[in-house]
Amino acid sequence: MALFKKRTVAKAGEWYYCLQHQKVEEGPECPAKDRFGPYTTRAEAEHAMEIARERNLQWENDPKWHDAPADGSPDEG
């Protein structure tokens, strides 16, 4: 028995951004590996790539995710 069922029917009100087709879709049309979401509005899904870029920048600049070397010197990686 599979852990996760593949949902074949679109759920109204859930919006996704398909990375392969570069389009917004209501409900899951494309495989999960090819989409971002769900988003609560179509407009939010339309900006999925911008949202992802902003989140990546926040993560890259988050000091909690950058371990300092044990001797306290700056990392020269």
C-alpha atoms as a PDB file:
ATOM      1  CA  MET A   1       0.000   0.000   0.000  1.00  0.00           C
ATOM      2  CA  ALA A   2       1.356   3.410  -0.959  1.00  0.00           C
ATOM      3  CA  LEU A   3       2.036   5.965   1.738  1.00  0.00           C
ATOM      4  CA  PHE A   4       0.674   8.787  -0.373  1.00  0.00           C
ATOM      5  CA  LYS A   5      -2.246   8.580  -2.730  1.00  0.00           C
ATOM      6  CA  LYS A   6      -1.903  10.260  -6.082  1.00  0.00           C
ATOM      7  CA  ARG A   7      -4.679  12.773  -6.274  1.00  0.00           C
ATOM      8  CA  THR A   8      -6.119  12.822  -9.765  1.00  0.00           C
ATOM      9  CA  VAL A   9      -8.930  15.319  -9.201  1.00  0.00           C
ATOM     10  CA  ALA A  10      -8.150  19.017  -8.983  1.00  0.00           C
ATOM     11  CA  LYS A  11      -9.095  20.700  -5.745  1.00  0.00           C
ATOM     12  CA  ALA A  12     -10.763  24.057  -6.266  1.00  0.00           C
ATOM     13  CA  GLY A  13      -8.977  26.918  -4.564  1.00  0.00           C
ATOM     14  CA  GLU A  14      -5.510  25.346  -4.674  1.00  0.00           C
ATOM     15  CA  TRP A  15      -3.189  26.974  -7.146  1.00  0.00           C
ATOM     16  CA  TYR A  16       0.153  25.652  -8.372  1.00  0.00           C
ATOM     17  CA  TYR A  17       2.955  26.872 -10.600  1.00  0.00           C
ATOM     18  CA  CYS A  18       4.180  24.255 -13.074  1.00  0.00           C
ATOM     19  CA  LEU A  19       7.951  24.521 -13.535  1.00  0.00           C
ATOM     20  CA  GLN A  20       7.969  22.441 -16.705  1.00  0.00           C
ATOM     21  CA  HIS A  21       5.228  24.349 -18.544  1.00  0.00           C
ATOM     22  CA  GLN A  22       5.854  27.671 -16.748  1.00  0.00           C
ATOM     23  CA  LYS A  23       2.162  28.222 -16.128  1.00  0.00           C
ATOM     24  CA  VAL A  24      -0.316  28.499 -13.281  1.00  0.00           C
ATOM     25  CA  GLU A  25      -2.775  25.660 -12.817  1.00  0.00           C
ATOM     26  CA  GLU A  26      -5.714  25.162 -10.488  1.00  0.00           C
ATOM     27  CA  GLY A  27      -5.420  21.872  -8.702  1.00  0.00           C
ATOM     28  CA  PRO A  28      -2.606  19.419  -9.325  1.00  0.00           C
ATOM     29  CA  GLU A  29      -2.378  18.856 -13.071  1.00  0.00           C
ATOM     30  CA  CYS A  30       1.327  18.091 -13.406  1.00  0.00           C
ATOM     31  CA  PRO A  31       3.436  15.763 -11.220  1.00  0.00           C
ATOM     32  CA  ALA A  32       4.505  17.123  -7.826  1.00  0.00           C
ATOM     33  CA  LYS A  33       8.168  17.076  -8.866  1.00  0.00           C
ATOM     34  CA  ASP A  34       7.362  19.682 -11.534  1.00  0.00           C
ATOM     35  CA  ARG A  35       5.395  22.213  -9.487  1.00  0.00           C
ATOM     36  CA  PHE A  36       5.447  24.700  -6.633  1.00  0.00           C
ATOM     37  CA  GLY A  37       2.449  25.066  -4.360  1.00  0.00           C
ATOM     38  CA  PRO A  38      -0.223  24.944  -3.289  1.00  0.00           C
ATOM     39  CA  TYR A  39      -0.882  28.663  -3.110  1.00  0.00           C
ATOM     40  CA  THR A  40      -4.127  30.179  -1.868  1.00  0.00           C
ATOM     41  CA  THR A  41      -4.639  32.514  -4.830  1.00  0.00           C
ATOM     42  CA  ARG A  42      -3.887  32.534  -8.539  1.00  0.00           C
ATOM     43  CA  ALA A  43      -1.930  35.786  -8.117  1.00  0.00           C
ATOM     44  CA  GLU A  44       0.318  34.188  -5.498  1.00  0.00           C
ATOM     45  CA  ALA A  45       1.000  31.229  -7.807  1.00  0.00           C
ATOM     46  CA  GLU A  46       1.821  33.629 -10.659  1.00  0.00           C
ATOM     47  CA  HIS A  47       4.634  35.025  -8.491  1.00  0.00           C
ATOM     48  CA  ALA A  48       5.961  31.613  -7.416  1.00  0.00           C
ATOM     49  CA  MET A  49       9.403  32.107  -8.952  1.00  0.00           C
ATOM     50  CA  GLU A  50       9.808  35.534  -7.295  1.00  0.00           C
ATOM     51  CA  ILE A  51       8.706  34.073  -3.950  1.00  0.00           C
ATOM     52  CA  ALA A  52      11.230  31.242  -4.344  1.00  0.00           C
ATOM     53  CA  ARG A  53      14.037  33.710  -5.173  1.00  0.00           C
ATOM     54  CA  GLU A  54      13.204  35.827  -2.106  1.00  0.00           C
ATOM     55  CA  ARG A  55      13.112  32.768   0.158  1.00  0.00           C
ATOM     56  CA  ASN A  56      16.433  31.532  -1.228  1.00  0.00           C
ATOM     57  CA  LEU A  57      18.044  34.911  -0.489  1.00  0.00           C
ATOM     58  CA  GLN A  58      16.650  34.897   3.038  1.00  0.00           C
ATOM     59  CA  TRP A  59      18.006  31.403   3.594  1.00  0.00           C
ATOM     60  CA  GLU A  60      21.423  32.236   2.126  1.00  0.00           C
ATOM     61  CA  ASN A  61      21.725  35.272   4.419  1.00  0.00           C
ATOM     62  CA  ASP A  62      20.381  33.621   7.578  1.00  0.00           C
ATOM     63  CA  PRO A  63      23.227  33.413  10.115  1.00  0.00           C
ATOM     64  CA  LYS A  64      21.637  30.364  11.745  1.00  0.00           C
ATOM     65  CA  TRP A  65      22.406  28.368   8.589  1.00  0.00           C
ATOM     66  CA  HIS A  66      26.059  29.391   8.344  1.00  0.00           C
ATOM     67  CA  ASP A  67      28.186  27.689  10.973  1.00  0.00           C
ATOM     68  CA  ALA A  68      31.259  29.589  12.107  1.00  0.00           C
ATOM     69  CA  PRO A  69      34.534  27.667  12.292  1.00  0.00           C
ATOM     70  CA  ALA A  70      35.388  26.355  15.780  1.00  0.00           C
ATOM     71  CA  ASP A  71      38.308  28.792  16.176  1.00  0.00           C
ATOM     72  CA  GLY A  72      36.067  31.807  15.481  1.00  0.00           C
ATOM     73  CA  SER A  73      37.914  32.888  12.335  1.00  0.00           C
ATOM     74  CA  PRO A  74      35.904  33.794   9.227  1.00  0.00           C
ATOM     75  CA  ASP A  75      35.216  30.950   6.840  1.00  0.00           C
ATOM     76  CA  GLU A  76      37.322  31.135   3.650  1.00  0.00           C
ATOM     77  CA  GLY A  77      35.177  28.696   1.619  1.00  0.00           C
END
